Amino acid sequence: MLEKLPYLSSRPGLAAWLEEVAKFCIVGGMNYVVDVGIFNALRSTVLATRPVTAKIISVGIATLFSWVINRNWTFKGRATDTPVREIFGFVVVNGLGALPAFVCLWISHHILGFDSLLADNISGNVIGLIIGTIVRYLCYRYFVFTGGKDGS
């Protein structure tokens, strides 16, 4: 497997990869704040009776924010010359990244019978988020930001 991941086969490559992962995690944290902040601002004001609409708007803005920061910082050396294809892939990947949360929640709630609010949060917002984050990172790295391969 390491032959497919040459950036992990040397110390400088490992350091570059760890830096990329750290940046990815920082952007994820910032994106979470953007999403939750916008959702709560909308939900508390102009969309007080429309929480789903507020969430759609907050996720849309957070996805765009995340793409811009990831493209220009996390995966700067890997950005492509086709930003339209890149953002389309980014949106698709974000949809795929949300699936683990739905699947984990469904299995926990409906198959295993863990139906408390705490169990739903652990399965959907902890386990599903962790798996979805890994899916997003791998898809961004190998399918969205596929420009330069130098790891810079």
N, C-alpha and C. Protein backbone atom coordinates (compact mmCIF):
# COMPACT_ATOMS: atom_id res chain seq x y z
N MET A 1 0.82 -1.20 0.00
CA MET A 1 0.00 0.00 0.00
C MET A 1 0.86 1.26 0.00
N LEU A 2 2.01 1.23 0.68
CA LEU A 2 2.85 2.42 0.72
C LEU A 2 3.38 2.82 -0.64
N GLU A 3 3.50 1.85 -1.57
CA GLU A 3 3.96 2.22 -2.91
C GLU A 3 2.95 3.14 -3.60
N LYS A 4 1.69 3.06 -3.22
CA LYS A 4 0.68 3.95 -3.77
C LYS A 4 0.66 5.29 -3.03
N LEU A 5 1.33 5.35 -1.90
CA LEU A 5 1.39 6.55 -1.09
C LEU A 5 2.85 6.95 -0.88
N PRO A 6 3.55 7.34 -1.96
CA PRO A 6 4.98 7.60 -1.84
C PRO A 6 5.32 8.71 -0.86
N TYR A 7 4.40 9.64 -0.61
CA TYR A 7 4.67 10.72 0.31
C TYR A 7 4.79 10.22 1.75
N LEU A 8 4.39 8.97 2.01
CA LEU A 8 4.53 8.41 3.35
C LEU A 8 5.81 7.59 3.50
N SER A 9 6.53 7.35 2.41
CA SER A 9 7.68 6.47 2.47
C SER A 9 8.95 7.16 2.93
N SER A 10 8.93 8.47 3.12
CA SER A 10 10.11 9.18 3.60
C SER A 10 9.71 10.17 4.68
N ARG A 11 10.67 10.54 5.50
CA ARG A 11 10.39 11.49 6.58
C ARG A 11 9.85 12.83 6.06
N PRO A 12 10.51 13.46 5.04
CA PRO A 12 9.96 14.71 4.53
C PRO A 12 8.55 14.54 3.96
N GLY A 13 8.32 13.41 3.29
CA GLY A 13 6.98 13.13 2.76
C GLY A 13 5.96 12.96 3.87
N LEU A 14 6.35 12.29 4.92
CA LEU A 14 5.46 12.09 6.06
C LEU A 14 5.14 13.43 6.72
N ALA A 15 6.17 14.27 6.87
CA ALA A 15 5.95 15.59 7.47
C ALA A 15 4.98 16.42 6.63
N ALA A 16 5.13 16.37 5.30
CA ALA A 16 4.23 17.11 4.41
C ALA A 16 2.80 16.58 4.52
N TRP A 17 2.67 15.26 4.60
CA TRP A 17 1.34 14.67 4.72
C TRP A 17 0.70 15.04 6.06
N LEU A 18 1.47 14.99 7.14
CA LEU A 18 0.94 15.37 8.45
C LEU A 18 0.52 16.83 8.48
N GLU A 19 1.29 17.69 7.81
CA GLU A 19 0.91 19.09 7.71
C GLU A 19 -0.41 19.24 6.95
N GLU A 20 -0.55 18.49 5.86
CA GLU A 20 -1.78 18.54 5.07
C GLU A 20 -2.98 18.08 5.90
N VAL A 21 -2.80 17.00 6.65
CA VAL A 21 -3.88 16.49 7.50
C VAL A 21 -4.23 17.51 8.58
N ALA A 22 -3.22 18.13 9.18
CA ALA A 22 -3.48 19.15 10.21
C ALA A 22 -4.28 20.31 9.62
N LYS A 23 -3.88 20.77 8.43
CA LYS A 23 -4.60 21.86 7.77
C LYS A 23 -6.04 21.44 7.48
N PHE A 24 -6.21 20.20 7.00
CA PHE A 24 -7.55 19.69 6.72
C PHE A 24 -8.42 19.71 7.98
N CYS A 25 -7.86 19.31 9.10
CA CYS A 25 -8.61 19.30 10.37
C CYS A 25 -8.93 20.72 10.83
N ILE A 26 -8.01 21.65 10.66
CA ILE A 26 -8.26 23.04 11.03
C ILE A 26 -9.40 23.61 10.19
N VAL A 27 -9.36 23.35 8.89
CA VAL A 27 -10.42 23.83 8.00
C VAL A 27 -11.76 23.19 8.40
N GLY A 28 -11.73 21.92 8.74
CA GLY A 28 -12.96 21.25 9.19
C GLY A 28 -13.54 21.90 10.43
N GLY A 29 -12.69 22.26 11.37
CA GLY A 29 -13.16 22.94 12.57
C GLY A 29 -13.74 24.31 12.26
N MET A 30 -13.05 25.05 11.39
CA MET A 30 -13.56 26.36 10.98
C MET A 30 -14.89 26.20 10.24
N ASN A 31 -14.98 25.19 9.39
CA ASN A 31 -16.19 24.95 8.63
C ASN A 31 -17.36 24.61 9.56
N TYR A 32 -17.08 23.84 10.59
CA TYR A 32 -18.11 23.50 11.58
C TYR A 32 -18.66 24.77 12.23
N VAL A 33 -17.75 25.68 12.60
CA VAL A 33 -18.16 26.94 13.22
C VAL A 33 -19.00 27.76 12.25
N VAL A 34 -18.59 27.83 10.98
CA VAL A 34 -19.35 28.57 9.96
C VAL A 34 -20.75 27.97 9.82
N ASP A 35 -20.83 26.66 9.68
CA ASP A 35 -22.11 25.97 9.50
C ASP A 35 -23.04 26.22 10.69
N VAL A 36 -22.56 25.93 11.88
CA VAL A 36 -23.40 26.07 13.08
C VAL A 36 -23.73 27.54 13.34
N GLY A 37 -22.77 28.43 13.14
CA GLY A 37 -23.02 29.86 13.36
C GLY A 37 -24.10 30.40 12.43
N ILE A 38 -23.98 30.10 11.14
CA ILE A 38 -24.97 30.59 10.18
C ILE A 38 -26.33 29.96 10.45
N PHE A 39 -26.34 28.65 10.72
CA PHE A 39 -27.61 27.99 11.01
C PHE A 39 -28.32 28.65 12.19
N ASN A 40 -27.59 28.84 13.29
CA ASN A 40 -28.20 29.42 14.48
C ASN A 40 -28.61 30.87 14.27
N ALA A 41 -27.83 31.64 13.51
CA ALA A 41 -28.20 33.02 13.22
C ALA A 41 -29.49 33.07 12.40
N LEU A 42 -29.58 32.24 11.38
CA LEU A 42 -30.79 32.20 10.55
C LEU A 42 -31.98 31.66 11.33
N ARG A 43 -31.74 30.59 12.08
CA ARG A 43 -32.81 29.94 12.85
C ARG A 43 -33.36 30.85 13.94
N SER A 44 -32.52 31.76 14.44
CA SER A 44 -32.93 32.67 15.51
C SER A 44 -33.54 33.96 14.99
N THR A 45 -33.49 34.18 13.67
CA THR A 45 -34.00 35.44 13.13
C THR A 45 -34.96 35.19 11.97
N VAL A 46 -34.50 35.41 10.76
CA VAL A 46 -35.38 35.42 9.58
C VAL A 46 -35.96 34.06 9.22
N LEU A 47 -35.34 32.97 9.67
CA LEU A 47 -35.87 31.64 9.36
C LEU A 47 -36.23 30.87 10.64
N ALA A 48 -36.78 31.59 11.60
CA ALA A 48 -37.10 30.99 12.90
C ALA A 48 -38.05 29.81 12.79
N THR A 49 -38.93 29.84 11.81
CA THR A 49 -39.89 28.74 11.65
C THR A 49 -39.52 27.79 10.52
N ARG A 50 -38.32 27.96 9.96
CA ARG A 50 -37.89 27.13 8.82
C ARG A 50 -36.50 26.57 9.07
N PRO A 51 -36.35 25.65 10.02
CA PRO A 51 -35.02 25.14 10.36
C PRO A 51 -34.35 24.36 9.22
N VAL A 52 -35.12 23.64 8.43
CA VAL A 52 -34.52 22.88 7.33
C VAL A 52 -33.95 23.84 6.29
N THR A 53 -34.68 24.88 5.97
CA THR A 53 -34.18 25.88 5.03
C THR A 53 -32.91 26.54 5.58
N ALA A 54 -32.91 26.84 6.87
CA ALA A 54 -31.74 27.43 7.51
C ALA A 54 -30.54 26.49 7.40
N LYS A 55 -30.78 25.20 7.59
CA LYS A 55 -29.69 24.23 7.51
C LYS A 55 -29.18 24.08 6.08
N ILE A 56 -30.08 24.06 5.12
CA ILE A 56 -29.66 23.98 3.70
C ILE A 56 -28.77 25.16 3.35
N ILE A 57 -29.16 26.35 3.76
CA ILE A 57 -28.37 27.55 3.47
C ILE A 57 -27.03 27.49 4.19
N SER A 58 -27.04 27.11 5.47
CA SER A 58 -25.78 27.09 6.22
C SER A 58 -24.82 26.04 5.67
N VAL A 59 -25.32 24.88 5.29
CA VAL A 59 -24.46 23.84 4.71
C VAL A 59 -23.92 24.30 3.35
N GLY A 60 -24.76 24.93 2.55
CA GLY A 60 -24.30 25.44 1.25
C GLY A 60 -23.19 26.46 1.39
N ILE A 61 -23.36 27.40 2.29
CA ILE A 61 -22.33 28.42 2.51
C ILE A 61 -21.07 27.77 3.11
N ALA A 62 -21.25 26.87 4.05
CA ALA A 62 -20.11 26.20 4.67
C ALA A 62 -19.34 25.35 3.65
N THR A 63 -20.05 24.72 2.74
CA THR A 63 -19.38 23.92 1.70
C THR A 63 -18.55 24.81 0.79
N LEU A 64 -19.10 25.94 0.37
CA LEU A 64 -18.35 26.88 -0.46
C LEU A 64 -17.14 27.42 0.30
N PHE A 65 -17.33 27.80 1.56
CA PHE A 65 -16.23 28.27 2.40
C PHE A 65 -15.14 27.21 2.50
N SER A 66 -15.54 25.99 2.75
CA SER A 66 -14.58 24.89 2.89
C SER A 66 -13.80 24.66 1.60
N TRP A 67 -14.49 24.72 0.45
CA TRP A 67 -13.80 24.52 -0.83
C TRP A 67 -12.74 25.60 -1.05
N VAL A 68 -13.11 26.86 -0.81
CA VAL A 68 -12.16 27.96 -1.02
C VAL A 68 -10.94 27.79 -0.13
N ILE A 69 -11.13 27.51 1.16
CA ILE A 69 -10.00 27.39 2.09
C ILE A 69 -9.18 26.14 1.76
N ASN A 70 -9.82 25.02 1.51
CA ASN A 70 -9.08 23.81 1.18
C ASN A 70 -8.29 23.99 -0.12
N ARG A 71 -8.90 24.61 -1.12
CA ARG A 71 -8.24 24.80 -2.41
C ARG A 71 -7.03 25.72 -2.29
N ASN A 72 -7.16 26.77 -1.49
CA ASN A 72 -6.11 27.78 -1.41
C ASN A 72 -5.13 27.59 -0.25
N TRP A 73 -5.39 26.62 0.61
CA TRP A 73 -4.49 26.42 1.73
C TRP A 73 -4.13 24.94 1.90
N THR A 74 -5.11 24.11 2.26
CA THR A 74 -4.83 22.70 2.55
C THR A 74 -4.20 21.99 1.35
N PHE A 75 -4.85 22.09 0.20
CA PHE A 75 -4.40 21.39 -1.00
C PHE A 75 -3.86 22.37 -2.05
N LYS A 76 -3.23 23.45 -1.59
CA LYS A 76 -2.77 24.52 -2.47
C LYS A 76 -1.92 24.00 -3.64
N GLY A 77 -0.99 23.12 -3.37
CA GLY A 77 -0.13 22.59 -4.42
C GLY A 77 -0.81 21.56 -5.31
N ARG A 78 -2.04 21.21 -4.98
CA ARG A 78 -2.75 20.18 -5.74
C ARG A 78 -3.99 20.74 -6.46
N ALA A 79 -4.25 22.04 -6.33
CA ALA A 79 -5.40 22.64 -7.01
C ALA A 79 -5.26 22.43 -8.51
N THR A 80 -6.38 22.22 -9.17
CA THR A 80 -6.35 21.97 -10.61
C THR A 80 -6.60 23.27 -11.38
N ASP A 81 -6.48 23.18 -12.69
CA ASP A 81 -6.78 24.32 -13.57
C ASP A 81 -8.26 24.35 -13.95
N THR A 82 -9.05 23.45 -13.38
CA THR A 82 -10.47 23.37 -13.71
C THR A 82 -11.30 23.51 -12.43
N PRO A 83 -11.45 24.73 -11.92
CA PRO A 83 -12.17 24.92 -10.67
C PRO A 83 -13.64 24.50 -10.73
N VAL A 84 -14.27 24.56 -11.90
CA VAL A 84 -15.68 24.14 -12.00
C VAL A 84 -15.78 22.63 -11.74
N ARG A 85 -14.89 21.85 -12.36
CA ARG A 85 -14.88 20.41 -12.12
C ARG A 85 -14.54 20.14 -10.66
N GLU A 86 -13.63 20.91 -10.14
CA GLU A 86 -13.18 20.73 -8.76
C GLU A 86 -14.32 20.98 -7.77
N ILE A 87 -15.04 22.08 -7.94
CA ILE A 87 -16.12 22.38 -6.99
C ILE A 87 -17.26 21.38 -7.14
N PHE A 88 -17.52 20.93 -8.37
CA PHE A 88 -18.55 19.90 -8.56
C PHE A 88 -18.16 18.64 -7.79
N GLY A 89 -16.90 18.22 -7.96
CA GLY A 89 -16.41 17.06 -7.22
C GLY A 89 -16.46 17.28 -5.73
N PHE A 90 -16.14 18.48 -5.30
CA PHE A 90 -16.16 18.81 -3.88
C PHE A 90 -17.57 18.66 -3.31
N VAL A 91 -18.56 19.15 -4.03
CA VAL A 91 -19.96 19.05 -3.58
C VAL A 91 -20.39 17.58 -3.53
N VAL A 92 -20.02 16.81 -4.55
CA VAL A 92 -20.35 15.38 -4.56
C VAL A 92 -19.69 14.67 -3.38
N VAL A 93 -18.42 14.99 -3.14
CA VAL A 93 -17.69 14.37 -2.03
C VAL A 93 -18.34 14.74 -0.69
N ASN A 94 -18.79 15.98 -0.55
CA ASN A 94 -19.46 16.35 0.69
C ASN A 94 -20.75 15.56 0.89
N GLY A 95 -21.44 15.29 -0.21
CA GLY A 95 -22.63 14.43 -0.11
C GLY A 95 -22.25 13.02 0.31
N LEU A 96 -21.18 12.48 -0.30
CA LEU A 96 -20.71 11.14 0.10
C LEU A 96 -20.22 11.13 1.55
N GLY A 97 -19.59 12.23 1.96
CA GLY A 97 -19.09 12.32 3.33
C GLY A 97 -20.19 12.37 4.36
N ALA A 98 -21.39 12.77 3.96
CA ALA A 98 -22.52 12.80 4.88
C ALA A 98 -23.17 11.42 5.04
N LEU A 99 -22.97 10.55 4.06
CA LEU A 99 -23.61 9.22 4.11
C LEU A 99 -23.22 8.38 5.33
N PRO A 100 -21.95 8.34 5.75
CA PRO A 100 -21.63 7.52 6.93
C PRO A 100 -22.43 7.92 8.17
N ALA A 101 -22.68 9.21 8.35
CA ALA A 101 -23.47 9.64 9.50
C ALA A 101 -24.89 9.09 9.42
N PHE A 102 -25.48 9.14 8.22
CA PHE A 102 -26.84 8.63 8.06
C PHE A 102 -26.87 7.12 8.28
N VAL A 103 -25.90 6.42 7.70
CA VAL A 103 -25.85 4.95 7.83
C VAL A 103 -25.62 4.53 9.27
N CYS A 104 -24.65 5.17 9.94
CA CYS A 104 -24.38 4.84 11.35
C CYS A 104 -25.61 5.08 12.21
N LEU A 105 -26.26 6.20 12.00
CA LEU A 105 -27.47 6.52 12.76
C LEU A 105 -28.58 5.51 12.48
N TRP A 106 -28.79 5.17 11.22
CA TRP A 106 -29.85 4.22 10.86
C TRP A 106 -29.58 2.85 11.49
N ILE A 107 -28.35 2.35 11.38
CA ILE A 107 -28.01 1.04 11.95
C ILE A 107 -28.17 1.06 13.46
N SER A 108 -27.63 2.07 14.12
CA SER A 108 -27.72 2.16 15.58
C SER A 108 -29.17 2.24 16.04
N HIS A 109 -29.93 3.09 15.40
CA HIS A 109 -31.31 3.34 15.83
C HIS A 109 -32.26 2.20 15.47
N HIS A 110 -32.22 1.76 14.20
CA HIS A 110 -33.22 0.81 13.71
C HIS A 110 -32.80 -0.65 13.79
N ILE A 111 -31.52 -0.94 13.67
CA ILE A 111 -31.07 -2.34 13.72
C ILE A 111 -30.69 -2.74 15.14
N LEU A 112 -29.87 -1.91 15.77
CA LEU A 112 -29.38 -2.24 17.11
C LEU A 112 -30.33 -1.80 18.23
N GLY A 113 -31.28 -0.93 17.92
CA GLY A 113 -32.27 -0.51 18.89
C GLY A 113 -31.79 0.54 19.88
N PHE A 114 -30.66 1.18 19.62
CA PHE A 114 -30.19 2.27 20.48
C PHE A 114 -30.90 3.54 20.03
N ASP A 115 -32.04 3.84 20.68
CA ASP A 115 -32.89 4.91 20.17
C ASP A 115 -32.96 6.15 21.05
N SER A 116 -32.05 6.28 22.01
CA SER A 116 -32.05 7.49 22.83
C SER A 116 -31.40 8.64 22.05
N LEU A 117 -31.63 9.85 22.52
CA LEU A 117 -31.02 11.01 21.89
C LEU A 117 -29.50 10.93 21.98
N LEU A 118 -28.99 10.48 23.12
CA LEU A 118 -27.54 10.34 23.28
C LEU A 118 -26.97 9.34 22.28
N ALA A 119 -27.63 8.19 22.14
CA ALA A 119 -27.16 7.17 21.19
C ALA A 119 -27.20 7.69 19.76
N ASP A 120 -28.26 8.42 19.41
CA ASP A 120 -28.35 9.00 18.08
C ASP A 120 -27.22 9.99 17.82
N ASN A 121 -26.89 10.80 18.81
CA ASN A 121 -25.80 11.76 18.66
C ASN A 121 -24.45 11.07 18.55
N ILE A 122 -24.23 10.03 19.34
CA ILE A 122 -22.96 9.31 19.27
C ILE A 122 -22.81 8.64 17.91
N SER A 123 -23.86 7.96 17.46
CA SER A 123 -23.74 7.24 16.19
C SER A 123 -23.68 8.18 14.99
N GLY A 124 -24.49 9.22 14.96
CA GLY A 124 -24.54 10.11 13.81
C GLY A 124 -23.52 11.22 13.85
N ASN A 125 -23.32 11.82 15.01
CA ASN A 125 -22.48 13.01 15.09
C ASN A 125 -21.08 12.76 15.63
N VAL A 126 -20.78 11.55 16.06
CA VAL A 126 -19.42 11.22 16.48
C VAL A 126 -18.86 10.16 15.53
N ILE A 127 -19.42 8.97 15.57
CA ILE A 127 -18.91 7.88 14.72
C ILE A 127 -19.08 8.23 13.24
N GLY A 128 -20.26 8.65 12.86
CA GLY A 128 -20.52 9.01 11.46
C GLY A 128 -19.66 10.17 11.00
N LEU A 129 -19.46 11.16 11.87
CA LEU A 129 -18.62 12.31 11.53
C LEU A 129 -17.17 11.88 11.32
N ILE A 130 -16.66 11.02 12.17
CA ILE A 130 -15.27 10.55 12.02
C ILE A 130 -15.10 9.80 10.70
N ILE A 131 -16.00 8.86 10.42
CA ILE A 131 -15.91 8.09 9.17
C ILE A 131 -16.08 9.02 7.96
N GLY A 132 -17.05 9.93 8.04
CA GLY A 132 -17.28 10.86 6.95
C GLY A 132 -16.10 11.78 6.70
N THR A 133 -15.42 12.17 7.76
CA THR A 133 -14.23 13.03 7.62
C THR A 133 -13.12 12.29 6.89
N ILE A 134 -12.92 11.03 7.22
CA ILE A 134 -11.91 10.22 6.53
C ILE A 134 -12.28 10.07 5.05
N VAL A 135 -13.54 9.79 4.77
CA VAL A 135 -14.01 9.67 3.38
C VAL A 135 -13.76 10.97 2.63
N ARG A 136 -14.12 12.10 3.24
CA ARG A 136 -13.93 13.40 2.59
C ARG A 136 -12.45 13.65 2.30
N TYR A 137 -11.60 13.43 3.29
CA TYR A 137 -10.17 13.70 3.09
C TYR A 137 -9.62 12.89 1.91
N LEU A 138 -9.89 11.59 1.92
CA LEU A 138 -9.36 10.73 0.85
C LEU A 138 -9.92 11.13 -0.51
N CYS A 139 -11.20 11.43 -0.57
CA CYS A 139 -11.80 11.84 -1.84
C CYS A 139 -11.28 13.19 -2.31
N TYR A 140 -11.14 14.15 -1.39
CA TYR A 140 -10.58 15.45 -1.78
C TYR A 140 -9.19 15.25 -2.36
N ARG A 141 -8.37 14.47 -1.65
CA ARG A 141 -6.96 14.32 -2.03
C ARG A 141 -6.82 13.59 -3.36
N TYR A 142 -7.62 12.56 -3.59
CA TYR A 142 -7.41 11.72 -4.77
C TYR A 142 -8.37 11.98 -5.93
N PHE A 143 -9.49 12.69 -5.68
CA PHE A 143 -10.45 12.89 -6.77
C PHE A 143 -10.79 14.35 -7.03
N VAL A 144 -10.60 15.24 -6.07
CA VAL A 144 -10.98 16.64 -6.26
C VAL A 144 -9.76 17.51 -6.55
N PHE A 145 -8.81 17.51 -5.62
CA PHE A 145 -7.62 18.34 -5.78
C PHE A 145 -6.52 17.46 -6.36
N THR A 146 -6.52 17.30 -7.67
CA THR A 146 -5.63 16.34 -8.34
C THR A 146 -4.56 17.01 -9.18
N GLY A 147 -4.30 18.27 -8.89
CA GLY A 147 -3.25 18.99 -9.63
C GLY A 147 -1.89 18.47 -9.26
N GLY A 148 -0.92 19.35 -8.97
CA GLY A 148 0.46 18.99 -8.66
C GLY A 148 0.55 17.87 -7.64
N LYS A 149 1.48 16.95 -7.87
CA LYS A 149 1.63 15.78 -6.99
C LYS A 149 2.87 15.90 -6.10
N ASP A 150 3.44 17.10 -6.02
CA ASP A 150 4.69 17.27 -5.29
C ASP A 150 4.52 17.35 -3.79
N GLY A 151 3.27 17.38 -3.32
CA GLY A 151 3.02 17.42 -1.88
C GLY A 151 3.25 18.78 -1.27
N SER A 152 3.49 19.81 -2.08
CA SER A 152 3.72 21.15 -1.53
C SER A 152 2.43 21.87 -1.29
